[in-house]
Amino acid sequence: MQHFLRFLFIAGLTGTISCSSGCQRNNNYLSSGETKIKSGDNTEAIVFLTKAIKKNPKLASADLAKAYFNRGIAKRALGKSEAAKADFRKAINVDPKPINAEAYRYRGLAKSAVGDSRGAISDLTVAASLGDSIARKLIKNSNS
């Protein structure tokens, strides 16, 4: 029994160590993508964020959702509203908690850009109900 527990401990430690380098690389892709967005280089941001997403078995769900969300932001900035909408949907599906309201808001804006005003209002309403004040203002302005 003691050998078995020692084996489990070593196996767990090995898994943690092997994930550390892979997870760090994925976080580097994620942070590089975020940096590229901030600098306005959305095309490069998409490249880095796609690499982070492709490594998804090693990404925590919150980071994977963040990668999809940020890639959606970059695609939307490049005028690729349908592709952005798909990434916002994936972000919501992967981890509906931390960036949920913002992802709904941006997906609503992407739907609006492709002419889906009903879908846009629906997503903005969800974002507003989750506490997104910008979504509330957008809804209020659309009703004016």
C-alpha atoms as a PDB file:
ATOM      1  CA  MET A   1       0.000   0.000   0.000  1.00  0.00           C
ATOM      2  CA  GLN A   2       2.791   2.407   0.876  1.00  0.00           C
ATOM      3  CA  HIS A   3       4.486   1.748  -2.489  1.00  0.00           C
ATOM      4  CA  PHE A   4       1.203   2.403  -4.265  1.00  0.00           C
ATOM      5  CA  LEU A   5       0.765   5.758  -2.497  1.00  0.00           C
ATOM      6  CA  ARG A   6       4.359   6.676  -3.324  1.00  0.00           C
ATOM      7  CA  PHE A   7       3.673   5.754  -6.961  1.00  0.00           C
ATOM      8  CA  LEU A   8       0.553   7.966  -7.031  1.00  0.00           C
ATOM      9  CA  PHE A   9       2.473  10.864  -5.522  1.00  0.00           C
ATOM     10  CA  ILE A  10       5.306  10.546  -8.057  1.00  0.00           C
ATOM     11  CA  ALA A  11       2.849  10.125 -10.943  1.00  0.00           C
ATOM     12  CA  GLY A  12       0.952  13.213  -9.817  1.00  0.00           C
ATOM     13  CA  LEU A  13       4.151  15.192  -9.455  1.00  0.00           C
ATOM     14  CA  THR A  14       5.324  14.100 -12.904  1.00  0.00           C
ATOM     15  CA  GLY A  15       1.982  15.168 -14.377  1.00  0.00           C
ATOM     16  CA  THR A  16       2.279  18.539 -12.702  1.00  0.00           C
ATOM     17  CA  ILE A  17       5.831  19.060 -13.932  1.00  0.00           C
ATOM     18  CA  SER A  18       5.030  18.002 -17.500  1.00  0.00           C
ATOM     19  CA  CYS A  19       2.013  20.282 -17.518  1.00  0.00           C
ATOM     20  CA  SER A  20       4.054  23.164 -16.188  1.00  0.00           C
ATOM     21  CA  SER A  21       6.117  23.550 -19.336  1.00  0.00           C
ATOM     22  CA  GLY A  22       3.142  22.946 -21.641  1.00  0.00           C
ATOM     23  CA  CYS A  23       0.867  25.167 -19.612  1.00  0.00           C
ATOM     24  CA  GLN A  24       3.505  27.888 -19.498  1.00  0.00           C
ATOM     25  CA  ARG A  25       3.887  27.747 -23.279  1.00  0.00           C
ATOM     26  CA  ASN A  26       0.112  27.976 -23.709  1.00  0.00           C
ATOM     27  CA  ASN A  27      -0.030  30.918 -21.320  1.00  0.00           C
ATOM     28  CA  ASN A  28       2.767  32.520 -23.345  1.00  0.00           C
ATOM     29  CA  TYR A  29       0.663  32.113 -26.493  1.00  0.00           C
ATOM     30  CA  LEU A  30      -2.329  33.551 -24.653  1.00  0.00           C
ATOM     31  CA  SER A  31      -0.438  36.525 -23.227  1.00  0.00           C
ATOM     32  CA  SER A  32       1.338  37.146 -26.550  1.00  0.00           C
ATOM     33  CA  GLY A  33      -2.066  37.197 -28.255  1.00  0.00           C
ATOM     34  CA  GLU A  34      -3.383  39.669 -25.696  1.00  0.00           C
ATOM     35  CA  THR A  35      -0.302  41.861 -26.178  1.00  0.00           C
ATOM     36  CA  LYS A  36      -0.788  41.811 -29.952  1.00  0.00           C
ATOM     37  CA  ILE A  37      -4.426  42.892 -29.540  1.00  0.00           C
ATOM     38  CA  LYS A  38      -3.379  45.794 -27.314  1.00  0.00           C
ATOM     39  CA  SER A  39      -0.819  46.893 -29.887  1.00  0.00           C
ATOM     40  CA  GLY A  40      -3.402  46.688 -32.683  1.00  0.00           C
ATOM     41  CA  ASP A  41      -1.799  43.724 -34.460  1.00  0.00           C
ATOM     42  CA  ASN A  42      -4.963  41.646 -34.635  1.00  0.00           C
ATOM     43  CA  THR A  43      -3.716  39.315 -37.379  1.00  0.00           C
ATOM     44  CA  GLU A  44      -0.753  38.206 -35.248  1.00  0.00           C
ATOM     45  CA  ALA A  45      -3.008  38.039 -32.190  1.00  0.00           C
ATOM     46  CA  ILE A  46      -5.177  35.494 -34.007  1.00  0.00           C
ATOM     47  CA  VAL A  47      -2.074  33.398 -34.792  1.00  0.00           C
ATOM     48  CA  PHE A  48      -0.970  33.285 -31.141  1.00  0.00           C
ATOM     49  CA  LEU A  49      -4.459  32.716 -29.759  1.00  0.00           C
ATOM     50  CA  THR A  50      -5.100  29.920 -32.251  1.00  0.00           C
ATOM     51  CA  LYS A  51      -1.912  28.223 -31.039  1.00  0.00           C
ATOM     52  CA  ALA A  52      -3.139  28.526 -27.452  1.00  0.00           C
ATOM     53  CA  ILE A  53      -6.514  27.034 -28.432  1.00  0.00           C
ATOM     54  CA  LYS A  54      -4.947  24.121 -30.315  1.00  0.00           C
ATOM     55  CA  LYS A  55      -3.106  23.214 -27.121  1.00  0.00           C
ATOM     56  CA  ASN A  56      -6.447  23.207 -25.252  1.00  0.00           C
ATOM     57  CA  PRO A  57      -6.040  19.913 -23.385  1.00  0.00           C
ATOM     58  CA  LYS A  58      -3.400  21.690 -21.303  1.00  0.00           C
ATOM     59  CA  LEU A  59      -5.314  24.950 -20.873  1.00  0.00           C
ATOM     60  CA  ALA A  60      -7.608  25.550 -17.939  1.00  0.00           C
ATOM     61  CA  SER A  61     -11.183  26.188 -19.064  1.00  0.00           C
ATOM     62  CA  ALA A  62     -10.973  29.840 -17.980  1.00  0.00           C
ATOM     63  CA  ASP A  63      -7.844  30.336 -20.112  1.00  0.00           C
ATOM     64  CA  LEU A  64      -9.375  28.517 -23.072  1.00  0.00           C
ATOM     65  CA  ALA A  65     -12.467  30.709 -22.813  1.00  0.00           C
ATOM     66  CA  LYS A  66     -10.209  33.762 -22.609  1.00  0.00           C
ATOM     67  CA  ALA A  67      -8.319  32.631 -25.737  1.00  0.00           C
ATOM     68  CA  TYR A  68     -11.580  32.218 -27.690  1.00  0.00           C
ATOM     69  CA  PHE A  69     -12.876  35.528 -26.362  1.00  0.00           C
ATOM     70  CA  ASN A  70      -9.720  37.442 -27.259  1.00  0.00           C
ATOM     71  CA  ARG A  71      -9.541  35.789 -30.673  1.00  0.00           C
ATOM     72  CA  GLY A  72     -13.131  36.900 -31.206  1.00  0.00           C
ATOM     73  CA  ILE A  73     -12.132  40.456 -30.282  1.00  0.00           C
ATOM     74  CA  ALA A  74      -9.278  40.352 -32.830  1.00  0.00           C
ATOM     75  CA  LYS A  75     -11.508  38.904 -35.551  1.00  0.00           C
ATOM     76  CA  ARG A  76     -14.192  41.508 -34.876  1.00  0.00           C
ATOM     77  CA  ALA A  77     -11.579  44.267 -35.154  1.00  0.00           C
ATOM     78  CA  LEU A  78     -10.671  42.887 -38.588  1.00  0.00           C
ATOM     79  CA  GLY A  79     -14.335  42.966 -39.651  1.00  0.00           C
ATOM     80  CA  LYS A  80     -14.778  39.184 -39.474  1.00  0.00           C
ATOM     81  CA  SER A  81     -18.064  39.315 -37.571  1.00  0.00           C
ATOM     82  CA  GLU A  82     -19.275  35.768 -38.323  1.00  0.00           C
ATOM     83  CA  ALA A  83     -15.966  34.258 -37.212  1.00  0.00           C
ATOM     84  CA  ALA A  84     -15.945  36.507 -34.137  1.00  0.00           C
ATOM     85  CA  LYS A  85     -19.482  35.432 -33.272  1.00  0.00           C
ATOM     86  CA  ALA A  86     -18.403  31.780 -33.404  1.00  0.00           C
ATOM     87  CA  ASP A  87     -15.460  32.443 -31.073  1.00  0.00           C
ATOM     88  CA  PHE A  88     -17.651  34.308 -28.577  1.00  0.00           C
ATOM     89  CA  ARG A  89     -20.088  31.363 -28.621  1.00  0.00           C
ATOM     90  CA  LYS A  90     -17.199  28.973 -27.907  1.00  0.00           C
ATOM     91  CA  ALA A  91     -15.954  31.195 -25.061  1.00  0.00           C
ATOM     92  CA  ILE A  92     -19.409  31.114 -23.485  1.00  0.00           C
ATOM     93  CA  ASN A  93     -19.696  27.333 -23.928  1.00  0.00           C
ATOM     94  CA  VAL A  94     -16.251  26.579 -22.497  1.00  0.00           C
ATOM     95  CA  ASP A  95     -16.503  28.667 -19.344  1.00  0.00           C
ATOM     96  CA  PRO A  96     -19.697  30.635 -18.834  1.00  0.00           C
ATOM     97  CA  LYS A  97     -18.615  32.315 -15.603  1.00  0.00           C
ATOM     98  CA  PRO A  98     -15.754  34.826 -15.678  1.00  0.00           C
ATOM     99  CA  ILE A  99     -16.160  36.569 -19.041  1.00  0.00           C
ATOM    100  CA  ASN A 100     -19.725  35.515 -19.642  1.00  0.00           C
ATOM    101  CA  ALA A 101     -21.327  38.956 -19.684  1.00  0.00           C
ATOM    102  CA  GLU A 102     -18.661  40.478 -21.859  1.00  0.00           C
ATOM    103  CA  ALA A 103     -18.712  37.537 -24.285  1.00  0.00           C
ATOM    104  CA  TYR A 104     -22.487  37.882 -24.620  1.00  0.00           C
ATOM    105  CA  ARG A 105     -22.099  41.617 -25.250  1.00  0.00           C
ATOM    106  CA  TYR A 106     -19.475  41.149 -27.933  1.00  0.00           C
ATOM    107  CA  ARG A 107     -21.391  38.300 -29.532  1.00  0.00           C
ATOM    108  CA  GLY A 108     -24.429  40.600 -29.588  1.00  0.00           C
ATOM    109  CA  LEU A 109     -22.370  43.280 -31.323  1.00  0.00           C
ATOM    110  CA  ALA A 110     -21.104  40.725 -33.843  1.00  0.00           C
ATOM    111  CA  LYS A 111     -24.680  39.579 -34.508  1.00  0.00           C
ATOM    112  CA  SER A 112     -25.703  43.185 -35.007  1.00  0.00           C
ATOM    113  CA  ALA A 113     -22.876  43.670 -37.518  1.00  0.00           C
ATOM    114  CA  VAL A 114     -24.192  40.789 -39.638  1.00  0.00           C
ATOM    115  CA  GLY A 115     -27.782  42.027 -39.479  1.00  0.00           C
ATOM    116  CA  ASP A 116     -29.161  39.746 -36.760  1.00  0.00           C
ATOM    117  CA  SER A 117     -30.788  42.448 -34.629  1.00  0.00           C
ATOM    118  CA  ARG A 118     -33.019  39.997 -32.718  1.00  0.00           C
ATOM    119  CA  GLY A 119     -30.043  37.853 -31.792  1.00  0.00           C
ATOM    120  CA  ALA A 120     -28.080  40.964 -30.868  1.00  0.00           C
ATOM    121  CA  ILE A 121     -30.770  42.231 -28.501  1.00  0.00           C
ATOM    122  CA  SER A 122     -31.102  38.762 -26.991  1.00  0.00           C
ATOM    123  CA  ASP A 123     -27.376  38.531 -26.243  1.00  0.00           C
ATOM    124  CA  LEU A 124     -27.198  42.100 -24.976  1.00  0.00           C
ATOM    125  CA  THR A 125     -30.142  41.387 -22.667  1.00  0.00           C
ATOM    126  CA  VAL A 126     -28.334  38.363 -21.217  1.00  0.00           C
ATOM    127  CA  ALA A 127     -25.163  40.443 -20.772  1.00  0.00           C
ATOM    128  CA  ALA A 128     -27.154  43.176 -19.035  1.00  0.00           C
ATOM    129  CA  SER A 129     -28.817  40.640 -16.731  1.00  0.00           C
ATOM    130  CA  LEU A 130     -25.329  39.429 -15.771  1.00  0.00           C
ATOM    131  CA  GLY A 131     -24.346  42.941 -14.745  1.00  0.00           C
ATOM    132  CA  ASP A 132     -22.770  44.348 -17.909  1.00  0.00           C
ATOM    133  CA  SER A 133     -23.449  48.088 -17.707  1.00  0.00           C
ATOM    134  CA  ILE A 134     -22.297  48.718 -21.282  1.00  0.00           C
ATOM    135  CA  ALA A 135     -24.860  46.214 -22.564  1.00  0.00           C
ATOM    136  CA  ARG A 136     -27.541  48.022 -20.545  1.00  0.00           C
ATOM    137  CA  LYS A 137     -26.584  51.314 -22.203  1.00  0.00           C
ATOM    138  CA  LEU A 138     -26.599  49.722 -25.657  1.00  0.00           C
ATOM    139  CA  ILE A 139     -30.090  48.312 -25.068  1.00  0.00           C
ATOM    140  CA  LYS A 140     -31.306  51.636 -23.726  1.00  0.00           C
ATOM    141  CA  ASN A 141     -29.906  53.465 -26.768  1.00  0.00           C
ATOM    142  CA  SER A 142     -31.457  50.967 -29.172  1.00  0.00           C
ATOM    143  CA  ASN A 143     -34.869  51.572 -27.604  1.00  0.00           C
ATOM    144  CA  SER A 144     -34.538  55.355 -27.918  1.00  0.00           C
END
